[in-house]
C-alpha atoms as a PDB file:
ATOM      1  CA  UNK A   1     -19.688   5.650 -14.595  1.00  0.00           C
ATOM      2  CA  UNK A   2     -17.955   2.633 -15.944  1.00  0.00           C
ATOM      3  CA  UNK A   3     -16.607  -0.045 -14.660  1.00  0.00           C
ATOM      4  CA  UNK A   4     -13.518  -0.168 -12.812  1.00  0.00           C
ATOM      5  CA  UNK A   5     -12.020  -3.395 -13.292  1.00  0.00           C
ATOM      6  CA  UNK A   6      -8.508  -5.150 -12.252  1.00  0.00           C
ATOM      7  CA  UNK A   7      -5.905  -3.524 -14.669  1.00  0.00           C
ATOM      8  CA  UNK A   8      -2.355  -2.573 -13.401  1.00  0.00           C
ATOM      9  CA  UNK A   9      -0.173  -2.545 -10.147  1.00  0.00           C
ATOM     10  CA  UNK A  10      -2.343  -1.234  -7.084  1.00  0.00           C
ATOM     11  CA  UNK A  11      -5.224  -0.605  -9.388  1.00  0.00           C
ATOM     12  CA  UNK A  12      -7.661  -3.513  -7.917  1.00  0.00           C
ATOM     13  CA  UNK A  13     -11.602  -2.615  -8.155  1.00  0.00           C
ATOM     14  CA  UNK A  14     -13.294  -2.945  -5.151  1.00  0.00           C
ATOM     15  CA  UNK A  15     -16.278  -5.115  -6.446  1.00  0.00           C
ATOM     16  CA  UNK A  16     -18.524  -2.594  -6.943  1.00  0.00           C
ATOM     17  CA  UNK A  17     -19.573  -0.913 -10.686  1.00  0.00           C
ATOM     18  CA  UNK A  18     -19.579   2.131  -9.297  1.00  0.00           C
ATOM     19  CA  UNK A  19     -16.253   2.584  -6.510  1.00  0.00           C
ATOM     20  CA  UNK A  20     -13.235   3.337  -7.803  1.00  0.00           C
ATOM     21  CA  UNK A  21     -10.586   1.244  -7.351  1.00  0.00           C
ATOM     22  CA  UNK A  22      -7.676   2.425  -4.498  1.00  0.00           C
ATOM     23  CA  UNK A  23      -5.231   4.811  -6.678  1.00  0.00           C
ATOM     24  CA  UNK A  24      -7.850   6.143  -8.316  1.00  0.00           C
ATOM     25  CA  UNK A  25      -9.765   6.960  -5.134  1.00  0.00           C
ATOM     26  CA  UNK A  26      -6.173   8.635  -4.115  1.00  0.00           C
ATOM     27  CA  UNK A  27      -5.392  10.340  -7.154  1.00  0.00           C
ATOM     28  CA  UNK A  28      -9.374  11.940  -7.061  1.00  0.00           C
ATOM     29  CA  UNK A  29      -8.482  13.230  -3.622  1.00  0.00           C
ATOM     30  CA  UNK A  30      -5.175  14.637  -4.394  1.00  0.00           C
ATOM     31  CA  UNK A  31      -6.905  16.743  -7.771  1.00  0.00           C
ATOM     32  CA  UNK A  32      -9.706  17.601  -5.532  1.00  0.00           C
ATOM     33  CA  UNK A  33      -7.345  19.432  -3.091  1.00  0.00           C
ATOM     34  CA  UNK A  34      -5.120  20.923  -6.099  1.00  0.00           C
ATOM     35  CA  UNK A  35      -8.318  22.010  -7.733  1.00  0.00           C
ATOM     36  CA  UNK A  36      -9.316  23.450  -4.082  1.00  0.00           C
ATOM     37  CA  UNK A  37      -6.520  24.890  -3.612  1.00  0.00           C
ATOM     38  CA  UNK A  38      -6.905  26.858  -6.994  1.00  0.00           C
ATOM     39  CA  UNK A  39      -9.795  28.214  -6.459  1.00  0.00           C
ATOM     40  CA  UNK A  40      -9.890  29.421  -2.278  1.00  0.00           C
ATOM     41  CA  UNK A  41      -6.086  31.225  -2.622  1.00  0.00           C
ATOM     42  CA  UNK A  42      -4.219  33.780  -4.780  1.00  0.00           C
ATOM     43  CA  UNK A  43      -0.391  32.773  -4.917  1.00  0.00           C
ATOM     44  CA  UNK A  44       0.002  29.123  -4.316  1.00  0.00           C
ATOM     45  CA  UNK A  45       3.416  27.310  -5.152  1.00  0.00           C
ATOM     46  CA  UNK A  46       4.444  23.782  -5.620  1.00  0.00           C
ATOM     47  CA  UNK A  47       7.140  22.503  -3.315  1.00  0.00           C
ATOM     48  CA  UNK A  48       9.621  20.815  -5.720  1.00  0.00           C
ATOM     49  CA  UNK A  49      12.795  18.727  -5.244  1.00  0.00           C
ATOM     50  CA  UNK A  50      12.975  16.572  -8.255  1.00  0.00           C
ATOM     51  CA  UNK A  51      12.206  13.872  -5.369  1.00  0.00           C
ATOM     52  CA  UNK A  52       9.682  10.538  -6.038  1.00  0.00           C
ATOM     53  CA  UNK A  53       6.893  12.388  -3.626  1.00  0.00           C
ATOM     54  CA  UNK A  54       7.490  15.867  -5.290  1.00  0.00           C
ATOM     55  CA  UNK A  55       7.331  14.075  -9.018  1.00  0.00           C
ATOM     56  CA  UNK A  56       4.080  12.859  -8.051  1.00  0.00           C
ATOM     57  CA  UNK A  57       2.553  16.013  -6.521  1.00  0.00           C
ATOM     58  CA  UNK A  58       3.880  17.540 -10.145  1.00  0.00           C
ATOM     59  CA  UNK A  59       1.874  15.196 -12.243  1.00  0.00           C
ATOM     60  CA  UNK A  60      -1.177  15.064 -10.616  1.00  0.00           C
ATOM     61  CA  UNK A  61      -0.609  19.035 -10.547  1.00  0.00           C
ATOM     62  CA  UNK A  62      -0.993  18.279 -14.009  1.00  0.00           C
ATOM     63  CA  UNK A  63      -3.990  16.214 -14.547  1.00  0.00           C
ATOM     64  CA  UNK A  64      -5.844  18.446 -11.985  1.00  0.00           C
ATOM     65  CA  UNK A  65      -5.773  21.011 -14.598  1.00  0.00           C
ATOM     66  CA  UNK A  66      -4.884  19.367 -18.204  1.00  0.00           C
ATOM     67  CA  UNK A  67      -5.036  21.397 -20.732  1.00  0.00           C
ATOM     68  CA  UNK A  68      -4.233  24.012 -19.508  1.00  0.00           C
ATOM     69  CA  UNK A  69      -1.283  24.528 -17.981  1.00  0.00           C
ATOM     70  CA  UNK A  70      -0.360  24.728 -13.850  1.00  0.00           C
ATOM     71  CA  UNK A  71      -1.472  27.162 -12.388  1.00  0.00           C
ATOM     72  CA  UNK A  72       0.535  27.607  -9.912  1.00  0.00           C
ATOM     73  CA  UNK A  73       5.346  27.797  -9.733  1.00  0.00           C
ATOM     74  CA  UNK A  74       6.996  25.895  -8.120  1.00  0.00           C
ATOM     75  CA  UNK A  75       9.807  26.623  -5.577  1.00  0.00           C
ATOM     76  CA  UNK A  76      13.357  24.033  -4.498  1.00  0.00           C
ATOM     77  CA  UNK A  77      15.345  25.040  -1.229  1.00  0.00           C
ATOM     78  CA  UNK A  78      19.155  23.944  -2.586  1.00  0.00           C
ATOM     79  CA  UNK A  79      20.786  23.060   0.265  1.00  0.00           C
ATOM     80  CA  UNK A  80      24.160  23.251  -1.631  1.00  0.00           C
ATOM     81  CA  UNK A  81      24.667  19.190  -1.461  1.00  0.00           C
ATOM     82  CA  UNK A  82      21.711  18.565  -3.462  1.00  0.00           C
ATOM     83  CA  UNK A  83      22.145  15.168  -5.924  1.00  0.00           C
ATOM     84  CA  UNK A  84      23.631  16.249  -9.234  1.00  0.00           C
ATOM     85  CA  UNK A  85      21.280  13.575 -10.852  1.00  0.00           C
ATOM     86  CA  UNK A  86      18.088  15.140  -9.162  1.00  0.00           C
ATOM     87  CA  UNK A  87      19.062  18.204  -9.890  1.00  0.00           C
ATOM     88  CA  UNK A  88      19.236  17.480 -13.333  1.00  0.00           C
ATOM     89  CA  UNK A  89      16.204  16.005 -12.999  1.00  0.00           C
ATOM     90  CA  UNK A  90      14.176  19.012 -11.706  1.00  0.00           C
ATOM     91  CA  UNK A  91      15.500  21.472 -14.102  1.00  0.00           C
ATOM     92  CA  UNK A  92      14.586  19.374 -17.378  1.00  0.00           C
ATOM     93  CA  UNK A  93      11.131  18.557 -15.927  1.00  0.00           C
ATOM     94  CA  UNK A  94      10.782  22.359 -15.223  1.00  0.00           C
ATOM     95  CA  UNK A  95      12.027  23.145 -19.140  1.00  0.00           C
ATOM     96  CA  UNK A  96       9.780  20.460 -20.279  1.00  0.00           C
ATOM     97  CA  UNK A  97       6.457  21.732 -18.684  1.00  0.00           C
ATOM     98  CA  UNK A  98       7.375  25.552 -19.243  1.00  0.00           C
ATOM     99  CA  UNK A  99       6.838  26.116 -15.788  1.00  0.00           C
ATOM    100  CA  UNK A 100       8.765  29.011 -13.326  1.00  0.00           C
ATOM    101  CA  UNK A 101      11.142  28.110 -10.447  1.00  0.00           C
ATOM    102  CA  UNK A 102      11.833  29.693  -7.666  1.00  0.00           C
ATOM    103  CA  UNK A 103      15.105  28.642  -6.098  1.00  0.00           C
ATOM    104  CA  UNK A 104      16.066  29.199  -2.299  1.00  0.00           C
ATOM    105  CA  UNK A 105      19.892  29.120  -1.652  1.00  0.00           C
ATOM    106  CA  UNK A 106      21.132  27.527   1.502  1.00  0.00           C
ATOM    107  CA  UNK A 107      24.612  28.423   0.477  1.00  0.00           C
ATOM    108  CA  UNK A 108      23.876  32.341  -0.344  1.00  0.00           C
ATOM    109  CA  UNK A 109      22.865  32.431   3.255  1.00  0.00           C
ATOM    110  CA  UNK A 110      25.915  30.470   4.431  1.00  0.00           C
ATOM    111  CA  UNK A 111      27.810  32.930   2.014  1.00  0.00           C
ATOM    112  CA  UNK A 112      26.130  35.698   3.762  1.00  0.00           C
ATOM    113  CA  UNK A 113      26.512  34.619   7.238  1.00  0.00           C
ATOM    114  CA  UNK A 114      23.221  34.707   8.099  1.00  0.00           C
ATOM    115  CA  UNK A 115      23.850  30.566   8.505  1.00  0.00           C
ATOM    116  CA  UNK A 116      26.795  28.430   9.866  1.00  0.00           C
ATOM    117  CA  UNK A 117      28.296  24.841   8.165  1.00  0.00           C
ATOM    118  CA  UNK A 118      26.586  22.717  11.177  1.00  0.00           C
ATOM    119  CA  UNK A 119      29.744  20.439  12.924  1.00  0.00           C
ATOM    120  CA  UNK A 120      27.721  17.234  11.220  1.00  0.00           C
ATOM    121  CA  UNK A 121      28.352  18.954   7.998  1.00  0.00           C
ATOM    122  CA  UNK A 122      24.706  17.987   7.266  1.00  0.00           C
ATOM    123  CA  UNK A 123      22.675  21.214   5.798  1.00  0.00           C
ATOM    124  CA  UNK A 124      19.051  19.255   5.695  1.00  0.00           C
ATOM    125  CA  UNK A 125      18.011  21.567   9.101  1.00  0.00           C
ATOM    126  CA  UNK A 126      19.277  24.879   7.354  1.00  0.00           C
ATOM    127  CA  UNK A 127      16.417  25.153   4.889  1.00  0.00           C
ATOM    128  CA  UNK A 128      14.057  26.618   7.365  1.00  0.00           C
ATOM    129  CA  UNK A 129      15.046  30.013   7.022  1.00  0.00           C
ATOM    130  CA  UNK A 130      15.449  30.300   3.237  1.00  0.00           C
ATOM    131  CA  UNK A 131      12.385  28.708   2.763  1.00  0.00           C
ATOM    132  CA  UNK A 132      10.134  30.760   5.307  1.00  0.00           C
ATOM    133  CA  UNK A 133      12.130  33.753   3.597  1.00  0.00           C
ATOM    134  CA  UNK A 134      11.262  32.949   0.558  1.00  0.00           C
ATOM    135  CA  UNK A 135       7.635  32.422   1.342  1.00  0.00           C
ATOM    136  CA  UNK A 136       7.370  35.730   2.894  1.00  0.00           C
ATOM    137  CA  UNK A 137       9.105  37.735  -0.046  1.00  0.00           C
ATOM    138  CA  UNK A 138       7.167  35.910  -2.758  1.00  0.00           C
ATOM    139  CA  UNK A 139       3.587  36.528  -0.755  1.00  0.00           C
ATOM    140  CA  UNK A 140       3.081  32.548  -1.435  1.00  0.00           C
ATOM    141  CA  UNK A 141       0.084  31.858   0.918  1.00  0.00           C
ATOM    142  CA  UNK A 142      -0.744  28.344   0.044  1.00  0.00           C
ATOM    143  CA  UNK A 143       2.603  26.093  -0.209  1.00  0.00           C
ATOM    144  CA  UNK A 144       1.913  22.266  -0.630  1.00  0.00           C
ATOM    145  CA  UNK A 145       4.326  19.759  -0.107  1.00  0.00           C
ATOM    146  CA  UNK A 146       5.076  16.310  -1.172  1.00  0.00           C
ATOM    147  CA  UNK A 147       4.539  15.057   3.144  1.00  0.00           C
ATOM    148  CA  UNK A 148       2.508  11.316   4.086  1.00  0.00           C
ATOM    149  CA  UNK A 149       1.607  10.341   7.402  1.00  0.00           C
ATOM    150  CA  UNK A 150       3.106   7.546   7.209  1.00  0.00           C
ATOM    151  CA  UNK A 151       6.768   8.650   6.831  1.00  0.00           C
ATOM    152  CA  UNK A 152       7.317   9.900  10.204  1.00  0.00           C
ATOM    153  CA  UNK A 153       5.157  10.414  13.288  1.00  0.00           C
ATOM    154  CA  UNK A 154       4.771  14.814  13.391  1.00  0.00           C
ATOM    155  CA  UNK A 155       4.093  13.972   9.990  1.00  0.00           C
ATOM    156  CA  UNK A 156       1.116  11.563  10.793  1.00  0.00           C
ATOM    157  CA  UNK A 157      -0.303  14.668  12.970  1.00  0.00           C
ATOM    158  CA  UNK A 158      -1.008  16.974  10.263  1.00  0.00           C
ATOM    159  CA  UNK A 159      -4.271  17.606   8.186  1.00  0.00           C
ATOM    160  CA  UNK A 160      -4.320  18.016   4.347  1.00  0.00           C
ATOM    161  CA  UNK A 161      -5.031  21.986   5.022  1.00  0.00           C
ATOM    162  CA  UNK A 162      -2.204  22.742   7.707  1.00  0.00           C
ATOM    163  CA  UNK A 163      -2.158  26.750   9.025  1.00  0.00           C
ATOM    164  CA  UNK A 164       1.020  28.498   9.656  1.00  0.00           C
ATOM    165  CA  UNK A 165       1.405  31.425  11.765  1.00  0.00           C
ATOM    166  CA  UNK A 166       3.683  34.827  10.710  1.00  0.00           C
ATOM    167  CA  UNK A 167       6.664  33.140  11.243  1.00  0.00           C
ATOM    168  CA  UNK A 168       5.617  30.098   9.512  1.00  0.00           C
ATOM    169  CA  UNK A 169       5.295  28.041  12.555  1.00  0.00           C
ATOM    170  CA  UNK A 170       3.381  25.317  13.073  1.00  0.00           C
ATOM    171  CA  UNK A 171       1.162  24.578  16.285  1.00  0.00           C
ATOM    172  CA  UNK A 172      -0.309  21.119  16.469  1.00  0.00           C
ATOM    173  CA  UNK A 173      -3.086  23.026  19.005  1.00  0.00           C
ATOM    174  CA  UNK A 174      -4.218  24.933  15.894  1.00  0.00           C
ATOM    175  CA  UNK A 175      -4.913  21.944  13.981  1.00  0.00           C
ATOM    176  CA  UNK A 176      -8.424  22.107  12.199  1.00  0.00           C
ATOM    177  CA  UNK A 177     -10.957  19.186  11.607  1.00  0.00           C
ATOM    178  CA  UNK A 178     -11.622  18.063   8.267  1.00  0.00           C
ATOM    179  CA  UNK A 179     -14.840  15.617   7.999  1.00  0.00           C
ATOM    180  CA  UNK A 180     -15.906  14.869   4.633  1.00  0.00           C
ATOM    181  CA  UNK A 181     -12.962  16.299   2.923  1.00  0.00           C
ATOM    182  CA  UNK A 182     -13.865  19.857   3.692  1.00  0.00           C
ATOM    183  CA  UNK A 183     -10.482  22.129   4.182  1.00  0.00           C
ATOM    184  CA  UNK A 184     -10.697  25.126   5.914  1.00  0.00           C
ATOM    185  CA  UNK A 185      -8.384  27.516   3.450  1.00  0.00           C
ATOM    186  CA  UNK A 186      -8.505  30.505   6.075  1.00  0.00           C
ATOM    187  CA  UNK A 187      -5.824  32.646   7.453  1.00  0.00           C
ATOM    188  CA  UNK A 188      -4.881  36.200   8.658  1.00  0.00           C
ATOM    189  CA  UNK A 189      -2.840  38.705   6.559  1.00  0.00           C
ATOM    190  CA  UNK A 190       0.890  36.975   6.694  1.00  0.00           C
ATOM    191  CA  UNK A 191      -0.163  33.809   7.443  1.00  0.00           C
ATOM    192  CA  UNK A 192       0.015  30.564   4.924  1.00  0.00           C
ATOM    193  CA  UNK A 193      -1.438  27.396   4.616  1.00  0.00           C
ATOM    194  CA  UNK A 194       0.357  23.732   3.655  1.00  0.00           C
ATOM    195  CA  UNK A 195      -0.988  21.707   1.802  1.00  0.00           C
ATOM    196  CA  UNK A 196      -0.309  18.314   1.699  1.00  0.00           C
ATOM    197  CA  UNK A 197      -1.890  15.977  -1.472  1.00  0.00           C
ATOM    198  CA  UNK A 198      -0.550  12.642  -0.828  1.00  0.00           C
ATOM    199  CA  UNK A 199      -0.655  12.769   2.992  1.00  0.00           C
ATOM    200  CA  UNK A 200      -3.404   9.748   2.562  1.00  0.00           C
ATOM    201  CA  UNK A 201      -0.766   7.592   0.300  1.00  0.00           C
ATOM    202  CA  UNK A 202       1.689   4.954   1.615  1.00  0.00           C
ATOM    203  CA  UNK A 203       5.505   5.014  -0.082  1.00  0.00           C
ATOM    204  CA  UNK A 204       3.698   1.103  -1.823  1.00  0.00           C
ATOM    205  CA  UNK A 205       0.983   3.838  -3.327  1.00  0.00           C
ATOM    206  CA  UNK A 206       3.482   6.331  -4.653  1.00  0.00           C
ATOM    207  CA  UNK A 207       6.072   3.471  -6.135  1.00  0.00           C
ATOM    208  CA  UNK A 208       2.594   1.456  -7.753  1.00  0.00           C
ATOM    209  CA  UNK A 209       1.022   4.754  -9.068  1.00  0.00           C
ATOM    210  CA  UNK A 210       4.480   5.630 -10.919  1.00  0.00           C
ATOM    211  CA  UNK A 211       4.070   2.188 -12.441  1.00  0.00           C
ATOM    212  CA  UNK A 212       0.693   2.697 -13.245  1.00  0.00           C
ATOM    213  CA  UNK A 213       1.199   5.952 -14.945  1.00  0.00           C
ATOM    214  CA  UNK A 214       4.645   5.423 -16.608  1.00  0.00           C
ATOM    215  CA  UNK A 215       5.628   8.355 -14.053  1.00  0.00           C
ATOM    216  CA  UNK A 216       9.889   8.540 -15.324  1.00  0.00           C
ATOM    217  CA  UNK A 217      12.296   8.920 -11.746  1.00  0.00           C
ATOM    218  CA  UNK A 218      15.672  10.166 -11.381  1.00  0.00           C
ATOM    219  CA  UNK A 219      17.917   6.880 -11.469  1.00  0.00           C
ATOM    220  CA  UNK A 220      19.144   7.078  -8.168  1.00  0.00           C
ATOM    221  CA  UNK A 221      15.748   5.386  -7.057  1.00  0.00           C
ATOM    222  CA  UNK A 222      16.984   2.079  -8.944  1.00  0.00           C
ATOM    223  CA  UNK A 223      20.125   0.041  -8.217  1.00  0.00           C
ATOM    224  CA  UNK A 224      22.941   1.204  -9.409  1.00  0.00           C
ATOM    225  CA  UNK A 225      27.313   0.921  -8.597  1.00  0.00           C
ATOM    226  CA  UNK A 226      27.735   3.954  -6.320  1.00  0.00           C
ATOM    227  CA  UNK A 227      30.764   4.734  -4.190  1.00  0.00           C
ATOM    228  CA  UNK A 228      29.509   5.478  -0.556  1.00  0.00           C
ATOM    229  CA  UNK A 229      30.953   5.499   2.909  1.00  0.00           C
ATOM    230  CA  UNK A 230      29.527   3.422   6.621  1.00  0.00           C
ATOM    231  CA  UNK A 231      28.366   6.545   8.923  1.00  0.00           C
ATOM    232  CA  UNK A 232      26.083   6.243  11.894  1.00  0.00           C
ATOM    233  CA  UNK A 233      24.828   3.147  10.296  1.00  0.00           C
ATOM    234  CA  UNK A 234      23.837   4.090   6.463  1.00  0.00           C
ATOM    235  CA  UNK A 235      25.839   3.989   3.337  1.00  0.00           C
ATOM    236  CA  UNK A 236      26.505   7.942   2.092  1.00  0.00           C
ATOM    237  CA  UNK A 237      27.857   9.265  -0.829  1.00  0.00           C
ATOM    238  CA  UNK A 238      31.037  10.212  -1.202  1.00  0.00           C
ATOM    239  CA  UNK A 239      31.245  13.775  -2.214  1.00  0.00           C
ATOM    240  CA  UNK A 240      33.175  17.349  -1.262  1.00  0.00           C
ATOM    241  CA  UNK A 241      29.905  18.015   1.032  1.00  0.00           C
ATOM    242  CA  UNK A 242      32.460  16.967   4.185  1.00  0.00           C
ATOM    243  CA  UNK A 243      32.671  12.998   3.748  1.00  0.00           C
ATOM    244  CA  UNK A 244      34.158  10.447   4.136  1.00  0.00           C
ATOM    245  CA  UNK A 245      36.729  11.222   7.015  1.00  0.00           C
ATOM    246  CA  UNK A 246      39.517   9.904   7.320  1.00  0.00           C
ATOM    247  CA  UNK A 247      38.327   6.580   9.378  1.00  0.00           C
ATOM    248  CA  UNK A 248      35.809   5.848   6.801  1.00  0.00           C
ATOM    249  CA  UNK A 249      36.911   3.833   3.969  1.00  0.00           C
ATOM    250  CA  UNK A 250      34.895   4.251   0.699  1.00  0.00           C
ATOM    251  CA  UNK A 251      33.553   1.222  -1.416  1.00  0.00           C
ATOM    252  CA  UNK A 252      31.895   0.739  -4.513  1.00  0.00           C
ATOM    253  CA  UNK A 253      28.305  -0.587  -3.905  1.00  0.00           C
ATOM    254  CA  UNK A 254      24.351  -1.434  -5.517  1.00  0.00           C
ATOM    255  CA  UNK A 255      22.853   0.435  -3.869  1.00  0.00           C
ATOM    256  CA  UNK A 256      19.545   2.563  -4.355  1.00  0.00           C
ATOM    257  CA  UNK A 257      17.624   5.263  -2.731  1.00  0.00           C
ATOM    258  CA  UNK A 258      14.247   5.007  -1.109  1.00  0.00           C
ATOM    259  CA  UNK A 259      14.241   8.724  -0.340  1.00  0.00           C
ATOM    260  CA  UNK A 260      15.726  11.427  -1.953  1.00  0.00           C
ATOM    261  CA  UNK A 261      17.205  15.131   0.138  1.00  0.00           C
ATOM    262  CA  UNK A 262      20.358  16.257   1.246  1.00  0.00           C
ATOM    263  CA  UNK A 263      24.004  14.261   0.346  1.00  0.00           C
ATOM    264  CA  UNK A 264      24.497  14.385   4.033  1.00  0.00           C
ATOM    265  CA  UNK A 265      21.909  13.299   5.687  1.00  0.00           C
ATOM    266  CA  UNK A 266      20.445  10.695   3.331  1.00  0.00           C
ATOM    267  CA  UNK A 267      21.347   7.064   3.224  1.00  0.00           C
ATOM    268  CA  UNK A 268      21.183   4.370   0.486  1.00  0.00           C
ATOM    269  CA  UNK A 269      20.285   0.686   0.667  1.00  0.00           C
ATOM    270  CA  UNK A 270      21.826  -2.119  -0.441  1.00  0.00           C
ATOM    271  CA  UNK A 271      19.687  -2.980  -3.288  1.00  0.00           C
ATOM    272  CA  UNK A 272      19.221  -5.112  -6.715  1.00  0.00           C
ATOM    273  CA  UNK A 273      16.065  -3.378  -7.520  1.00  0.00           C
ATOM    274  CA  UNK A 274      16.671  -2.028 -10.869  1.00  0.00           C
ATOM    275  CA  UNK A 275      13.269  -2.162 -12.322  1.00  0.00           C
ATOM    276  CA  UNK A 276       9.977  -0.957 -10.601  1.00  0.00           C
ATOM    277  CA  UNK A 277       8.525  -3.974 -10.366  1.00  0.00           C
ATOM    278  CA  UNK A 278      11.293  -5.257  -8.360  1.00  0.00           C
ATOM    279  CA  UNK A 279      11.015  -1.695  -6.207  1.00  0.00           C
ATOM    280  CA  UNK A 280       7.565  -2.037  -5.453  1.00  0.00           C
ATOM    281  CA  UNK A 281       8.113  -5.937  -4.231  1.00  0.00           C
ATOM    282  CA  UNK A 282      10.973  -4.898  -1.822  1.00  0.00           C
ATOM    283  CA  UNK A 283       9.089  -2.007  -0.612  1.00  0.00           C
ATOM    284  CA  UNK A 284       6.035  -3.947   0.250  1.00  0.00           C
ATOM    285  CA  UNK A 285       8.166  -6.687   2.156  1.00  0.00           C
ATOM    286  CA  UNK A 286       9.941  -3.603   3.795  1.00  0.00           C
ATOM    287  CA  UNK A 287       9.088  -3.067   7.710  1.00  0.00           C
ATOM    288  CA  UNK A 288      10.883   0.241   8.034  1.00  0.00           C
ATOM    289  CA  UNK A 289       9.339   3.651   6.800  1.00  0.00           C
ATOM    290  CA  UNK A 290      11.920   5.432   4.314  1.00  0.00           C
ATOM    291  CA  UNK A 291      12.407   8.321   6.551  1.00  0.00           C
ATOM    292  CA  UNK A 292      13.124   5.984   9.435  1.00  0.00           C
ATOM    293  CA  UNK A 293      15.590   3.192   7.392  1.00  0.00           C
ATOM    294  CA  UNK A 294      17.502   6.610   5.615  1.00  0.00           C
ATOM    295  CA  UNK A 295      17.618   9.981   6.751  1.00  0.00           C
ATOM    296  CA  UNK A 296      19.834  10.954   9.678  1.00  0.00           C
ATOM    297  CA  UNK A 297      18.214  13.938  10.042  1.00  0.00           C
ATOM    298  CA  UNK A 298      15.239  12.577  11.538  1.00  0.00           C
ATOM    299  CA  UNK A 299      17.578  10.576  14.266  1.00  0.00           C
ATOM    300  CA  UNK A 300      18.049  13.409  16.012  1.00  0.00           C
ATOM    301  CA  UNK A 301      16.510  13.118  18.597  1.00  0.00           C
ATOM    302  CA  UNK A 302      12.539  11.994  19.187  1.00  0.00           C
ATOM    303  CA  UNK A 303      11.098  14.936  18.291  1.00  0.00           C
ATOM    304  CA  UNK A 304      13.784  16.349  15.445  1.00  0.00           C
ATOM    305  CA  UNK A 305      11.188  16.394  13.000  1.00  0.00           C
ATOM    306  CA  UNK A 306       8.088  17.836  15.089  1.00  0.00           C
ATOM    307  CA  UNK A 307      11.409  20.645  16.315  1.00  0.00           C
ATOM    308  CA  UNK A 308      11.775  21.572  12.784  1.00  0.00           C
ATOM    309  CA  UNK A 309       8.011  21.507  11.709  1.00  0.00           C
ATOM    310  CA  UNK A 310       7.372  24.064  14.875  1.00  0.00           C
ATOM    311  CA  UNK A 311       9.850  26.820  13.501  1.00  0.00           C
ATOM    312  CA  UNK A 312       8.543  26.320   9.647  1.00  0.00           C
ATOM    313  CA  UNK A 313       9.894  23.044   7.682  1.00  0.00           C
ATOM    314  CA  UNK A 314       7.911  21.623   5.074  1.00  0.00           C
END
C-alpha cells in the first residue's frame, strides 16, 4: 500500500503510512457497500434526483464497478415541481453513462385522482405513494438513497441497511446492529432494504469530495441571480407551482441552493459563493444543517421527517 500524503481539500493523511485519509476512508466504505449490495440482492436501484448527494452516490457506484457498467438502474420520483436545471442535468447524466432511468410521476397520480394537491402547494410529501408503488411493481429489493445522518435527527437513527416491510414502512425498533461494517440484508418476500452509502458523510465531506473528484453539479448549487420571493423565512423560486401569492413580492437576488428538492419547499440562501472553494468555505462556517435551513417540509412538525419515513419516504 502506498503512503497517503496531504494532497487536495479535505484529503489530509492521518500520519500513518498505512492509513487512509478521511475522504478515502469514506469512499472506500461507500464502494464496499455498493459491492456488498450487488452480491447480496437481486434487483437493486439507485434513487437519483440530480441533487448533489445522489450525484456523488452515482459517482461512487461508477467507481465501484469500473470498467464494468453499473449493475443497477436509476429511479427518480418527479413531483412536477422540480428545478428545470436539475432535470436537464439528470437526463444528460443518464444518457452520458448509458443508464436506465425509471420515473415515478406525482403528476400522474394527481391526474388519476389518487393524490390531491395540498393547500400549501408543496408536493414533496406526496412522493411516498409513487415511490412505494414503483418499488413494488418493479420488485426492487434494495433501494440506494443519498440520506446522511448529519442532515436531520430522524435520518440520524438510520442504519446503513434499513429494513422496510411489505408496505415500505420503516420501524425504528426493527433496526439491526451493524458492528464492524457487517450488513444484514435478510428480508422476507415483499420487503426491501433501503441502503445509505453516504450515512457517515457530512455536507462538508460531500463538497470536499466533489472538489477532489472534479464532479460536475447543476449550476443552481453556485451563486446566481434568480427571481425569488420570501415565505416562512425562506427565499422560494417564483414559478407555476403556486408561488408567489398576491402579497408576496418577487425580487432578483444573488442566491444559491444548499439542497435541491421540490421548488415549493426548497429555499435558496443569500450567497456570493460562485466557486466550489467559496462554497466549501461557506459551509465550514455554517452552524445550520442544509435541511434545517432550507427545507420547509421538515418544518411541518418536530417529527415531520420521521413520520414520513414511517410511511415509506426516503
